[in-house]
Amino acid sequence: VGPWNEILQLADQIETDYYEYTGNDQLSISAGIVITGDSYPISRAAEDAKDAVEKSKKAGRDSITLLGHTLKWDEWAEVKKKWVELRDKVATEKISSAFLYSLLEYGRMWQEYRKTGNTLGLRFQPLLAYNVGRNLSERQSPVFHKWAKEIISLKLPDMQRKQMILDNLALLAQLLILGNGGNDE
């Protein structure tokens, strides 16, 4: 139990320390993190965390489940790296909560495509292009603009190669929203 961003750091530290302590890469560790409001009952949060750990184990062990997303630790490291790169830019580049929530929706659309093959999920790309053109200035938001343009410019063959970005877009958006506190400030 603790501040959500510190819990994420603690999970990373536990995973690193576990491998240093055991010295055996054949052993694995799984984690489940639940982020709730301060009035959420701790007993229910503990049960939710237990369920998240079980979800991590069922995904093939050596995984972390966070905000309903299960990733291998190395995938989480890549998502975290991108999150850390973008989180400070949310404030300095004045990225609106509306844009972040749109990213969340685009990530869900991509997941729908991946799970069902429904090509309507690919609509995220032109919708993102429209949103960027309308709401992100290349001059005022250079980092976000460049990153969004990279996602927009991906073609279907590239999507397979750079799938990690898209597969975790919803999680990344959720983390950015949490860090932003849901504010437009």
N, C-alpha and C. Protein backbone atom coordinates (compact mmCIF):
# COMPACT_ATOMS: atom_id res chain seq x y z
N VAL A 1 0.86 -1.17 0.00
CA VAL A 1 0.00 0.00 0.00
C VAL A 1 0.90 1.23 0.00
N GLY A 2 0.64 2.12 -0.95
CA GLY A 2 1.45 3.32 -1.02
C GLY A 2 1.09 4.14 -2.24
N PRO A 3 1.79 5.24 -2.45
CA PRO A 3 1.56 6.06 -3.64
C PRO A 3 1.83 5.24 -4.91
N TRP A 4 0.96 5.38 -5.90
CA TRP A 4 1.01 4.51 -7.07
C TRP A 4 2.35 4.55 -7.79
N ASN A 5 2.94 5.75 -7.93
CA ASN A 5 4.20 5.84 -8.66
C ASN A 5 5.35 5.19 -7.89
N GLU A 6 5.30 5.26 -6.55
CA GLU A 6 6.33 4.61 -5.75
C GLU A 6 6.17 3.09 -5.75
N ILE A 7 4.92 2.62 -5.84
CA ILE A 7 4.68 1.18 -5.93
C ILE A 7 5.27 0.63 -7.23
N LEU A 8 5.17 1.39 -8.31
CA LEU A 8 5.75 0.95 -9.58
C LEU A 8 7.28 0.84 -9.46
N GLN A 9 7.89 1.81 -8.81
CA GLN A 9 9.34 1.77 -8.59
C GLN A 9 9.72 0.59 -7.70
N LEU A 10 8.91 0.34 -6.66
CA LEU A 10 9.18 -0.77 -5.76
C LEU A 10 9.09 -2.10 -6.49
N ALA A 11 8.09 -2.25 -7.35
CA ALA A 11 7.95 -3.50 -8.12
C ALA A 11 9.20 -3.74 -8.98
N ASP A 12 9.68 -2.70 -9.63
CA ASP A 12 10.90 -2.82 -10.44
C ASP A 12 12.09 -3.21 -9.58
N GLN A 13 12.19 -2.59 -8.42
CA GLN A 13 13.31 -2.88 -7.52
C GLN A 13 13.25 -4.32 -7.01
N ILE A 14 12.06 -4.78 -6.68
CA ILE A 14 11.90 -6.17 -6.21
C ILE A 14 12.32 -7.14 -7.30
N GLU A 15 11.88 -6.87 -8.52
CA GLU A 15 12.22 -7.76 -9.64
C GLU A 15 13.73 -7.79 -9.86
N THR A 16 14.37 -6.63 -9.82
CA THR A 16 15.82 -6.56 -9.99
C THR A 16 16.54 -7.27 -8.85
N ASP A 17 16.14 -6.99 -7.63
CA ASP A 17 16.77 -7.61 -6.46
C ASP A 17 16.57 -9.12 -6.43
N TYR A 18 15.42 -9.58 -6.89
CA TYR A 18 15.13 -11.02 -6.91
C TYR A 18 16.15 -11.75 -7.76
N TYR A 19 16.41 -11.23 -8.96
CA TYR A 19 17.36 -11.89 -9.84
C TYR A 19 18.79 -11.77 -9.34
N GLU A 20 19.11 -10.65 -8.70
CA GLU A 20 20.44 -10.52 -8.11
C GLU A 20 20.62 -11.50 -6.96
N TYR A 21 19.58 -11.68 -6.16
CA TYR A 21 19.65 -12.57 -4.99
C TYR A 21 19.73 -14.03 -5.42
N THR A 22 18.88 -14.44 -6.35
CA THR A 22 18.86 -15.85 -6.73
C THR A 22 19.99 -16.21 -7.67
N GLY A 23 20.39 -15.25 -8.52
CA GLY A 23 21.45 -15.54 -9.49
C GLY A 23 21.04 -16.61 -10.49
N ASN A 24 19.74 -16.85 -10.60
CA ASN A 24 19.24 -17.90 -11.46
C ASN A 24 18.15 -17.34 -12.35
N ASP A 25 18.42 -17.26 -13.64
CA ASP A 25 17.41 -16.71 -14.53
C ASP A 25 16.33 -17.73 -14.88
N GLN A 26 16.44 -18.95 -14.36
CA GLN A 26 15.39 -19.96 -14.55
C GLN A 26 14.24 -19.76 -13.57
N LEU A 27 14.50 -19.02 -12.50
CA LEU A 27 13.45 -18.69 -11.54
C LEU A 27 12.79 -17.40 -11.97
N SER A 28 11.51 -17.30 -11.72
CA SER A 28 10.81 -16.09 -12.16
C SER A 28 9.98 -15.52 -11.02
N ILE A 29 9.63 -14.26 -11.20
CA ILE A 29 8.79 -13.58 -10.23
C ILE A 29 7.68 -12.86 -11.00
N SER A 30 6.50 -12.92 -10.43
CA SER A 30 5.36 -12.24 -11.03
C SER A 30 4.81 -11.24 -10.04
N ALA A 31 4.15 -10.20 -10.56
CA ALA A 31 3.61 -9.16 -9.68
C ALA A 31 2.24 -8.74 -10.18
N GLY A 32 1.45 -8.25 -9.24
CA GLY A 32 0.15 -7.69 -9.57
C GLY A 32 -0.02 -6.39 -8.81
N ILE A 33 -0.29 -5.32 -9.53
CA ILE A 33 -0.42 -4.00 -8.91
C ILE A 33 -1.82 -3.49 -9.19
N VAL A 34 -2.47 -3.03 -8.15
CA VAL A 34 -3.80 -2.46 -8.26
C VAL A 34 -3.74 -1.01 -7.80
N ILE A 35 -4.25 -0.13 -8.61
CA ILE A 35 -4.28 1.29 -8.26
C ILE A 35 -5.73 1.67 -8.01
N THR A 36 -5.98 2.17 -6.80
CA THR A 36 -7.35 2.51 -6.41
C THR A 36 -7.38 3.89 -5.78
N GLY A 37 -8.58 4.35 -5.54
CA GLY A 37 -8.75 5.61 -4.82
C GLY A 37 -8.51 5.40 -3.33
N ASP A 38 -8.33 6.49 -2.60
CA ASP A 38 -8.01 6.37 -1.18
C ASP A 38 -9.17 5.87 -0.32
N SER A 39 -10.38 5.87 -0.84
CA SER A 39 -11.51 5.37 -0.04
C SER A 39 -11.84 3.91 -0.37
N TYR A 40 -11.08 3.29 -1.27
CA TYR A 40 -11.30 1.89 -1.63
C TYR A 40 -10.87 1.00 -0.47
N PRO A 41 -11.68 0.03 -0.08
CA PRO A 41 -11.32 -0.83 1.07
C PRO A 41 -10.03 -1.62 0.81
N ILE A 42 -9.13 -1.61 1.77
CA ILE A 42 -7.84 -2.29 1.62
C ILE A 42 -8.03 -3.78 1.44
N SER A 43 -9.00 -4.37 2.15
CA SER A 43 -9.22 -5.81 2.01
C SER A 43 -9.61 -6.16 0.57
N ARG A 44 -10.43 -5.34 -0.06
CA ARG A 44 -10.82 -5.58 -1.45
C ARG A 44 -9.64 -5.34 -2.38
N ALA A 45 -8.84 -4.33 -2.10
CA ALA A 45 -7.66 -4.06 -2.91
C ALA A 45 -6.67 -5.22 -2.83
N ALA A 46 -6.54 -5.82 -1.64
CA ALA A 46 -5.65 -6.98 -1.48
C ALA A 46 -6.14 -8.16 -2.31
N GLU A 47 -7.44 -8.38 -2.33
CA GLU A 47 -8.01 -9.44 -3.18
C GLU A 47 -7.78 -9.14 -4.65
N ASP A 48 -7.97 -7.89 -5.03
CA ASP A 48 -7.75 -7.49 -6.42
C ASP A 48 -6.28 -7.69 -6.82
N ALA A 49 -5.38 -7.36 -5.90
CA ALA A 49 -3.95 -7.55 -6.16
C ALA A 49 -3.61 -9.04 -6.29
N LYS A 50 -4.22 -9.84 -5.46
CA LYS A 50 -4.03 -11.30 -5.54
C LYS A 50 -4.49 -11.81 -6.91
N ASP A 51 -5.65 -11.33 -7.37
CA ASP A 51 -6.15 -11.72 -8.68
C ASP A 51 -5.20 -11.26 -9.79
N ALA A 52 -4.63 -10.07 -9.62
CA ALA A 52 -3.68 -9.55 -10.62
C ALA A 52 -2.42 -10.41 -10.68
N VAL A 53 -1.95 -10.88 -9.52
CA VAL A 53 -0.78 -11.76 -9.50
C VAL A 53 -1.10 -13.08 -10.21
N GLU A 54 -2.28 -13.61 -9.95
CA GLU A 54 -2.69 -14.85 -10.61
C GLU A 54 -2.77 -14.65 -12.13
N LYS A 55 -3.25 -13.51 -12.55
CA LYS A 55 -3.31 -13.21 -13.98
C LYS A 55 -1.90 -13.18 -14.57
N SER A 56 -0.95 -12.61 -13.81
CA SER A 56 0.45 -12.58 -14.26
C SER A 56 1.00 -14.00 -14.40
N LYS A 57 0.71 -14.84 -13.43
CA LYS A 57 1.21 -16.22 -13.46
C LYS A 57 0.61 -16.99 -14.62
N LYS A 58 -0.67 -16.78 -14.88
CA LYS A 58 -1.34 -17.49 -15.98
C LYS A 58 -0.83 -17.03 -17.34
N ALA A 59 -0.27 -15.84 -17.39
CA ALA A 59 0.27 -15.32 -18.65
C ALA A 59 1.64 -15.90 -18.97
N GLY A 60 2.09 -16.84 -18.19
CA GLY A 60 3.37 -17.47 -18.45
C GLY A 60 4.44 -17.11 -17.45
N ARG A 61 4.04 -16.62 -16.32
CA ARG A 61 4.95 -16.22 -15.25
C ARG A 61 5.92 -15.13 -15.71
N ASP A 62 6.77 -14.68 -14.80
CA ASP A 62 7.75 -13.64 -15.09
C ASP A 62 7.08 -12.41 -15.71
N SER A 63 5.92 -12.04 -15.14
CA SER A 63 5.11 -10.95 -15.69
C SER A 63 4.65 -10.01 -14.59
N ILE A 64 4.16 -8.87 -15.03
CA ILE A 64 3.56 -7.90 -14.12
C ILE A 64 2.19 -7.52 -14.71
N THR A 65 1.20 -7.46 -13.83
CA THR A 65 -0.12 -7.01 -14.23
C THR A 65 -0.37 -5.68 -13.56
N LEU A 66 -0.70 -4.69 -14.37
CA LEU A 66 -0.87 -3.32 -13.91
C LEU A 66 -2.01 -2.69 -14.69
N LEU A 67 -2.99 -2.15 -13.97
CA LEU A 67 -4.13 -1.49 -14.61
C LEU A 67 -4.81 -2.40 -15.62
N GLY A 68 -4.84 -3.70 -15.29
CA GLY A 68 -5.51 -4.68 -16.15
C GLY A 68 -4.68 -5.17 -17.31
N HIS A 69 -3.46 -4.68 -17.46
CA HIS A 69 -2.58 -5.08 -18.56
C HIS A 69 -1.49 -5.99 -18.01
N THR A 70 -1.27 -7.12 -18.66
CA THR A 70 -0.23 -8.04 -18.24
C THR A 70 0.89 -8.02 -19.27
N LEU A 71 2.10 -7.79 -18.76
CA LEU A 71 3.28 -7.71 -19.61
C LEU A 71 4.41 -8.51 -18.99
N LYS A 72 5.32 -8.97 -19.84
CA LYS A 72 6.57 -9.52 -19.34
C LYS A 72 7.39 -8.37 -18.77
N TRP A 73 8.29 -8.67 -17.86
CA TRP A 73 9.07 -7.62 -17.22
C TRP A 73 9.85 -6.79 -18.24
N ASP A 74 10.41 -7.44 -19.27
CA ASP A 74 11.18 -6.67 -20.25
C ASP A 74 10.27 -5.76 -21.08
N GLU A 75 9.03 -6.19 -21.34
CA GLU A 75 8.08 -5.32 -22.02
C GLU A 75 7.72 -4.14 -21.13
N TRP A 76 7.52 -4.41 -19.84
CA TRP A 76 7.21 -3.35 -18.89
C TRP A 76 8.35 -2.33 -18.86
N ALA A 77 9.58 -2.80 -18.94
CA ALA A 77 10.73 -1.89 -18.93
C ALA A 77 10.66 -0.93 -20.12
N GLU A 78 10.25 -1.43 -21.29
CA GLU A 78 10.13 -0.58 -22.47
C GLU A 78 8.99 0.42 -22.33
N VAL A 79 7.85 -0.05 -21.81
CA VAL A 79 6.71 0.85 -21.60
C VAL A 79 7.08 1.92 -20.57
N LYS A 80 7.72 1.49 -19.50
CA LYS A 80 8.11 2.44 -18.45
C LYS A 80 9.09 3.48 -19.01
N LYS A 81 10.00 3.05 -19.84
CA LYS A 81 10.97 3.97 -20.44
C LYS A 81 10.25 5.05 -21.25
N LYS A 82 9.26 4.64 -22.07
CA LYS A 82 8.50 5.60 -22.87
C LYS A 82 7.66 6.49 -21.97
N TRP A 83 7.06 5.90 -20.92
CA TRP A 83 6.25 6.68 -19.97
C TRP A 83 7.10 7.75 -19.30
N VAL A 84 8.27 7.38 -18.82
CA VAL A 84 9.17 8.33 -18.15
C VAL A 84 9.57 9.44 -19.13
N GLU A 85 9.80 9.07 -20.38
CA GLU A 85 10.17 10.06 -21.41
C GLU A 85 9.04 11.06 -21.65
N LEU A 86 7.80 10.58 -21.61
CA LEU A 86 6.66 11.43 -21.95
C LEU A 86 6.00 12.13 -20.75
N ARG A 87 6.13 11.58 -19.56
CA ARG A 87 5.33 12.09 -18.43
C ARG A 87 5.63 13.55 -18.08
N ASP A 88 6.88 13.96 -18.12
CA ASP A 88 7.20 15.34 -17.80
C ASP A 88 6.77 16.28 -18.93
N LYS A 89 6.70 15.74 -20.13
CA LYS A 89 6.30 16.55 -21.28
C LYS A 89 4.80 16.87 -21.26
N VAL A 90 4.00 16.08 -20.53
CA VAL A 90 2.57 16.35 -20.44
C VAL A 90 2.36 17.76 -19.89
N ALA A 91 3.10 18.10 -18.86
CA ALA A 91 2.96 19.43 -18.26
C ALA A 91 3.68 20.50 -19.07
N THR A 92 4.93 20.24 -19.45
CA THR A 92 5.71 21.29 -20.13
C THR A 92 5.18 21.59 -21.53
N GLU A 93 4.62 20.57 -22.19
CA GLU A 93 4.07 20.80 -23.53
C GLU A 93 2.57 21.05 -23.49
N LYS A 94 2.03 21.12 -22.28
CA LYS A 94 0.61 21.44 -22.08
C LYS A 94 -0.31 20.51 -22.87
N ILE A 95 -0.10 19.21 -22.66
CA ILE A 95 -0.94 18.20 -23.30
C ILE A 95 -2.24 18.08 -22.51
N SER A 96 -3.36 18.22 -23.18
CA SER A 96 -4.65 18.22 -22.49
C SER A 96 -5.05 16.81 -22.06
N SER A 97 -5.86 16.75 -21.03
CA SER A 97 -6.42 15.47 -20.59
C SER A 97 -7.26 14.85 -21.70
N ALA A 98 -7.94 15.69 -22.46
CA ALA A 98 -8.77 15.18 -23.56
C ALA A 98 -7.90 14.41 -24.56
N PHE A 99 -6.72 14.93 -24.86
CA PHE A 99 -5.83 14.23 -25.79
C PHE A 99 -5.37 12.90 -25.19
N LEU A 100 -5.04 12.90 -23.90
CA LEU A 100 -4.61 11.66 -23.24
C LEU A 100 -5.71 10.62 -23.23
N TYR A 101 -6.94 11.06 -22.96
CA TYR A 101 -8.07 10.12 -22.97
C TYR A 101 -8.32 9.61 -24.39
N SER A 102 -8.05 10.43 -25.39
CA SER A 102 -8.16 9.97 -26.77
C SER A 102 -7.13 8.88 -27.05
N LEU A 103 -5.91 9.06 -26.56
CA LEU A 103 -4.88 8.03 -26.71
C LEU A 103 -5.33 6.71 -26.08
N LEU A 104 -5.96 6.81 -24.92
CA LEU A 104 -6.49 5.63 -24.25
C LEU A 104 -7.49 4.92 -25.16
N GLU A 105 -8.39 5.66 -25.74
CA GLU A 105 -9.39 5.09 -26.64
C GLU A 105 -8.74 4.48 -27.88
N TYR A 106 -7.73 5.14 -28.43
CA TYR A 106 -7.04 4.60 -29.60
C TYR A 106 -6.32 3.29 -29.26
N GLY A 107 -5.75 3.24 -28.07
CA GLY A 107 -5.12 1.99 -27.62
C GLY A 107 -6.12 0.87 -27.50
N ARG A 108 -7.31 1.18 -27.02
CA ARG A 108 -8.37 0.17 -26.91
C ARG A 108 -8.85 -0.27 -28.29
N MET A 109 -8.91 0.67 -29.22
CA MET A 109 -9.31 0.32 -30.58
C MET A 109 -8.30 -0.66 -31.20
N TRP A 110 -7.01 -0.38 -31.00
CA TRP A 110 -5.97 -1.28 -31.51
C TRP A 110 -6.11 -2.66 -30.88
N GLN A 111 -6.34 -2.71 -29.58
CA GLN A 111 -6.50 -4.00 -28.90
C GLN A 111 -7.69 -4.78 -29.46
N GLU A 112 -8.76 -4.07 -29.75
CA GLU A 112 -9.94 -4.71 -30.34
C GLU A 112 -9.57 -5.34 -31.69
N TYR A 113 -8.81 -4.62 -32.49
CA TYR A 113 -8.35 -5.16 -33.76
C TYR A 113 -7.50 -6.40 -33.54
N ARG A 114 -6.58 -6.32 -32.61
CA ARG A 114 -5.67 -7.45 -32.34
C ARG A 114 -6.41 -8.68 -31.84
N LYS A 115 -7.41 -8.47 -30.98
CA LYS A 115 -8.12 -9.61 -30.39
C LYS A 115 -9.12 -10.24 -31.36
N THR A 116 -9.83 -9.43 -32.10
CA THR A 116 -10.93 -9.95 -32.92
C THR A 116 -10.64 -9.92 -34.41
N GLY A 117 -9.65 -9.15 -34.82
CA GLY A 117 -9.37 -9.00 -36.24
C GLY A 117 -10.32 -8.03 -36.92
N ASN A 118 -11.17 -7.39 -36.14
CA ASN A 118 -12.12 -6.43 -36.69
C ASN A 118 -11.35 -5.20 -37.16
N THR A 119 -11.35 -4.98 -38.46
CA THR A 119 -10.55 -3.90 -39.03
C THR A 119 -11.06 -2.51 -38.64
N LEU A 120 -12.24 -2.42 -38.07
CA LEU A 120 -12.72 -1.12 -37.58
C LEU A 120 -11.80 -0.57 -36.48
N GLY A 121 -11.08 -1.47 -35.82
CA GLY A 121 -10.13 -1.03 -34.80
C GLY A 121 -8.98 -0.23 -35.38
N LEU A 122 -8.72 -0.41 -36.67
CA LEU A 122 -7.64 0.34 -37.32
C LEU A 122 -8.00 1.80 -37.54
N ARG A 123 -9.23 2.17 -37.23
CA ARG A 123 -9.64 3.57 -37.35
C ARG A 123 -8.85 4.47 -36.41
N PHE A 124 -8.18 3.87 -35.43
CA PHE A 124 -7.42 4.69 -34.49
C PHE A 124 -6.43 5.58 -35.22
N GLN A 125 -5.87 5.07 -36.33
CA GLN A 125 -4.80 5.80 -37.02
C GLN A 125 -5.30 7.11 -37.65
N PRO A 126 -6.35 7.10 -38.46
CA PRO A 126 -6.82 8.39 -38.99
C PRO A 126 -7.41 9.29 -37.90
N LEU A 127 -8.02 8.68 -36.88
CA LEU A 127 -8.55 9.50 -35.78
C LEU A 127 -7.43 10.19 -35.02
N LEU A 128 -6.34 9.47 -34.81
CA LEU A 128 -5.18 10.06 -34.14
C LEU A 128 -4.58 11.16 -35.02
N ALA A 129 -4.49 10.91 -36.31
CA ALA A 129 -3.95 11.92 -37.23
C ALA A 129 -4.79 13.19 -37.17
N TYR A 130 -6.09 13.05 -37.17
CA TYR A 130 -6.98 14.20 -37.08
C TYR A 130 -6.78 14.93 -35.76
N ASN A 131 -6.73 14.16 -34.67
CA ASN A 131 -6.57 14.73 -33.33
C ASN A 131 -5.24 15.49 -33.22
N VAL A 132 -4.18 14.91 -33.73
CA VAL A 132 -2.87 15.56 -33.69
C VAL A 132 -2.89 16.85 -34.51
N GLY A 133 -3.43 16.76 -35.72
CA GLY A 133 -3.50 17.94 -36.58
C GLY A 133 -4.31 19.06 -35.97
N ARG A 134 -5.32 18.71 -35.22
CA ARG A 134 -6.21 19.70 -34.65
C ARG A 134 -5.75 20.22 -33.28
N ASN A 135 -5.08 19.36 -32.50
CA ASN A 135 -4.83 19.70 -31.09
C ASN A 135 -3.37 19.75 -30.66
N LEU A 136 -2.44 19.31 -31.49
CA LEU A 136 -1.02 19.33 -31.10
C LEU A 136 -0.23 20.21 -32.05
N SER A 137 0.39 21.21 -31.50
CA SER A 137 1.25 22.07 -32.29
C SER A 137 2.67 21.49 -32.28
N GLU A 138 3.25 21.37 -33.45
CA GLU A 138 4.62 20.85 -33.54
C GLU A 138 5.61 21.76 -32.80
N ARG A 139 5.30 23.04 -32.77
CA ARG A 139 6.18 24.00 -32.10
C ARG A 139 6.01 23.96 -30.58
N GLN A 140 4.77 23.86 -30.11
CA GLN A 140 4.53 23.88 -28.66
C GLN A 140 4.68 22.51 -28.02
N SER A 141 4.47 21.46 -28.77
CA SER A 141 4.52 20.09 -28.22
C SER A 141 5.41 19.20 -29.09
N PRO A 142 6.70 19.53 -29.22
CA PRO A 142 7.53 18.80 -30.18
C PRO A 142 7.69 17.31 -29.86
N VAL A 143 7.83 16.95 -28.60
CA VAL A 143 8.05 15.54 -28.26
C VAL A 143 6.79 14.73 -28.51
N PHE A 144 5.65 15.19 -28.02
CA PHE A 144 4.40 14.47 -28.23
C PHE A 144 4.03 14.45 -29.71
N HIS A 145 4.24 15.55 -30.39
CA HIS A 145 3.91 15.62 -31.81
C HIS A 145 4.73 14.59 -32.59
N LYS A 146 6.02 14.53 -32.34
CA LYS A 146 6.89 13.59 -33.04
C LYS A 146 6.49 12.15 -32.73
N TRP A 147 6.22 11.86 -31.46
CA TRP A 147 5.84 10.51 -31.05
C TRP A 147 4.52 10.10 -31.70
N ALA A 148 3.53 10.99 -31.69
CA ALA A 148 2.23 10.69 -32.29
C ALA A 148 2.38 10.49 -33.80
N LYS A 149 3.20 11.30 -34.44
CA LYS A 149 3.43 11.16 -35.88
C LYS A 149 4.06 9.81 -36.22
N GLU A 150 4.93 9.30 -35.33
CA GLU A 150 5.52 7.99 -35.53
C GLU A 150 4.44 6.91 -35.52
N ILE A 151 3.49 7.03 -34.60
CA ILE A 151 2.40 6.07 -34.52
C ILE A 151 1.51 6.18 -35.76
N ILE A 152 1.22 7.38 -36.17
CA ILE A 152 0.38 7.61 -37.34
C ILE A 152 1.03 7.05 -38.60
N SER A 153 2.33 7.20 -38.72
CA SER A 153 3.02 6.80 -39.95
C SER A 153 3.25 5.30 -40.06
N LEU A 154 2.95 4.54 -39.02
CA LEU A 154 3.14 3.10 -39.09
C LEU A 154 2.18 2.50 -40.11
N LYS A 155 2.71 1.68 -40.98
CA LYS A 155 1.89 0.95 -41.94
C LYS A 155 1.69 -0.46 -41.38
N LEU A 156 0.70 -1.16 -41.88
CA LEU A 156 0.37 -2.47 -41.33
C LEU A 156 1.58 -3.40 -41.21
N PRO A 157 2.47 -3.49 -42.24
CA PRO A 157 3.65 -4.34 -42.04
C PRO A 157 4.54 -3.84 -40.89
N ASP A 158 4.68 -2.51 -40.76
CA ASP A 158 5.48 -1.95 -39.67
C ASP A 158 4.82 -2.21 -38.32
N MET A 159 3.49 -2.25 -38.31
CA MET A 159 2.78 -2.46 -37.05
C MET A 159 3.18 -3.78 -36.42
N GLN A 160 3.43 -4.78 -37.25
CA GLN A 160 3.84 -6.06 -36.71
C GLN A 160 5.21 -5.94 -36.04
N ARG A 161 6.07 -5.16 -36.67
CA ARG A 161 7.43 -4.98 -36.17
C ARG A 161 7.45 -4.10 -34.92
N LYS A 162 6.64 -3.05 -34.94
CA LYS A 162 6.62 -2.10 -33.83
C LYS A 162 5.35 -2.25 -33.00
N GLN A 163 4.88 -3.46 -32.91
CA GLN A 163 3.63 -3.75 -32.24
C GLN A 163 3.64 -3.39 -30.77
N MET A 164 4.80 -3.44 -30.15
CA MET A 164 4.89 -3.16 -28.71
C MET A 164 4.37 -1.78 -28.37
N ILE A 165 4.63 -0.80 -29.20
CA ILE A 165 4.15 0.56 -28.97
C ILE A 165 2.62 0.56 -28.92
N LEU A 166 2.04 -0.04 -29.93
CA LEU A 166 0.58 -0.05 -30.04
C LEU A 166 -0.08 -0.96 -29.02
N ASP A 167 0.52 -2.13 -28.77
CA ASP A 167 -0.07 -3.06 -27.81
C ASP A 167 -0.18 -2.46 -26.42
N ASN A 168 0.66 -1.52 -26.13
CA ASN A 168 0.67 -0.93 -24.79
C ASN A 168 0.30 0.54 -24.78
N LEU A 169 -0.31 1.01 -25.85
CA LEU A 169 -0.73 2.41 -25.93
C LEU A 169 -1.76 2.74 -24.85
N ALA A 170 -2.70 1.86 -24.61
CA ALA A 170 -3.73 2.11 -23.59
C ALA A 170 -3.10 2.20 -22.20
N LEU A 171 -2.18 1.30 -21.89
CA LEU A 171 -1.50 1.35 -20.59
C LEU A 171 -0.69 2.63 -20.46
N LEU A 172 0.03 2.98 -21.48
CA LEU A 172 0.83 4.20 -21.45
C LEU A 172 -0.06 5.42 -21.24
N ALA A 173 -1.19 5.46 -21.93
CA ALA A 173 -2.13 6.57 -21.77
C ALA A 173 -2.67 6.61 -20.34
N GLN A 174 -3.00 5.45 -19.78
CA GLN A 174 -3.49 5.41 -18.40
C GLN A 174 -2.45 5.95 -17.43
N LEU A 175 -1.21 5.58 -17.61
CA LEU A 175 -0.15 6.09 -16.73
C LEU A 175 0.02 7.59 -16.87
N LEU A 176 -0.04 8.08 -18.11
CA LEU A 176 0.07 9.53 -18.31
C LEU A 176 -1.11 10.27 -17.70
N ILE A 177 -2.30 9.69 -17.80
CA ILE A 177 -3.49 10.30 -17.18
C ILE A 177 -3.34 10.33 -15.68
N LEU A 178 -2.89 9.23 -15.09
CA LEU A 178 -2.68 9.19 -13.64
C LEU A 178 -1.67 10.24 -13.20
N GLY A 179 -0.58 10.34 -13.94
CA GLY A 179 0.46 11.32 -13.60
C GLY A 179 -0.01 12.74 -13.77
N ASN A 180 -0.94 12.94 -14.68
CA ASN A 180 -1.48 14.27 -14.93
C ASN A 180 -2.56 14.63 -13.92
N GLY A 181 -3.02 13.64 -13.18
CA GLY A 181 -4.08 13.88 -12.21
C GLY A 181 -5.41 14.17 -12.88
N GLY A 182 -5.51 13.88 -14.18
CA GLY A 182 -6.74 14.12 -14.90
C GLY A 182 -7.03 15.59 -15.14
N ASN A 183 -6.03 16.44 -14.93
CA ASN A 183 -6.22 17.89 -15.08
C ASN A 183 -5.72 18.38 -16.41
N ASP A 184 -6.26 19.49 -16.84
CA ASP A 184 -5.79 20.14 -18.06
C ASP A 184 -4.68 21.15 -17.75
N GLU A 185 -4.28 21.26 -16.54
CA GLU A 185 -3.33 22.31 -16.14
C GLU A 185 -1.91 21.94 -16.49
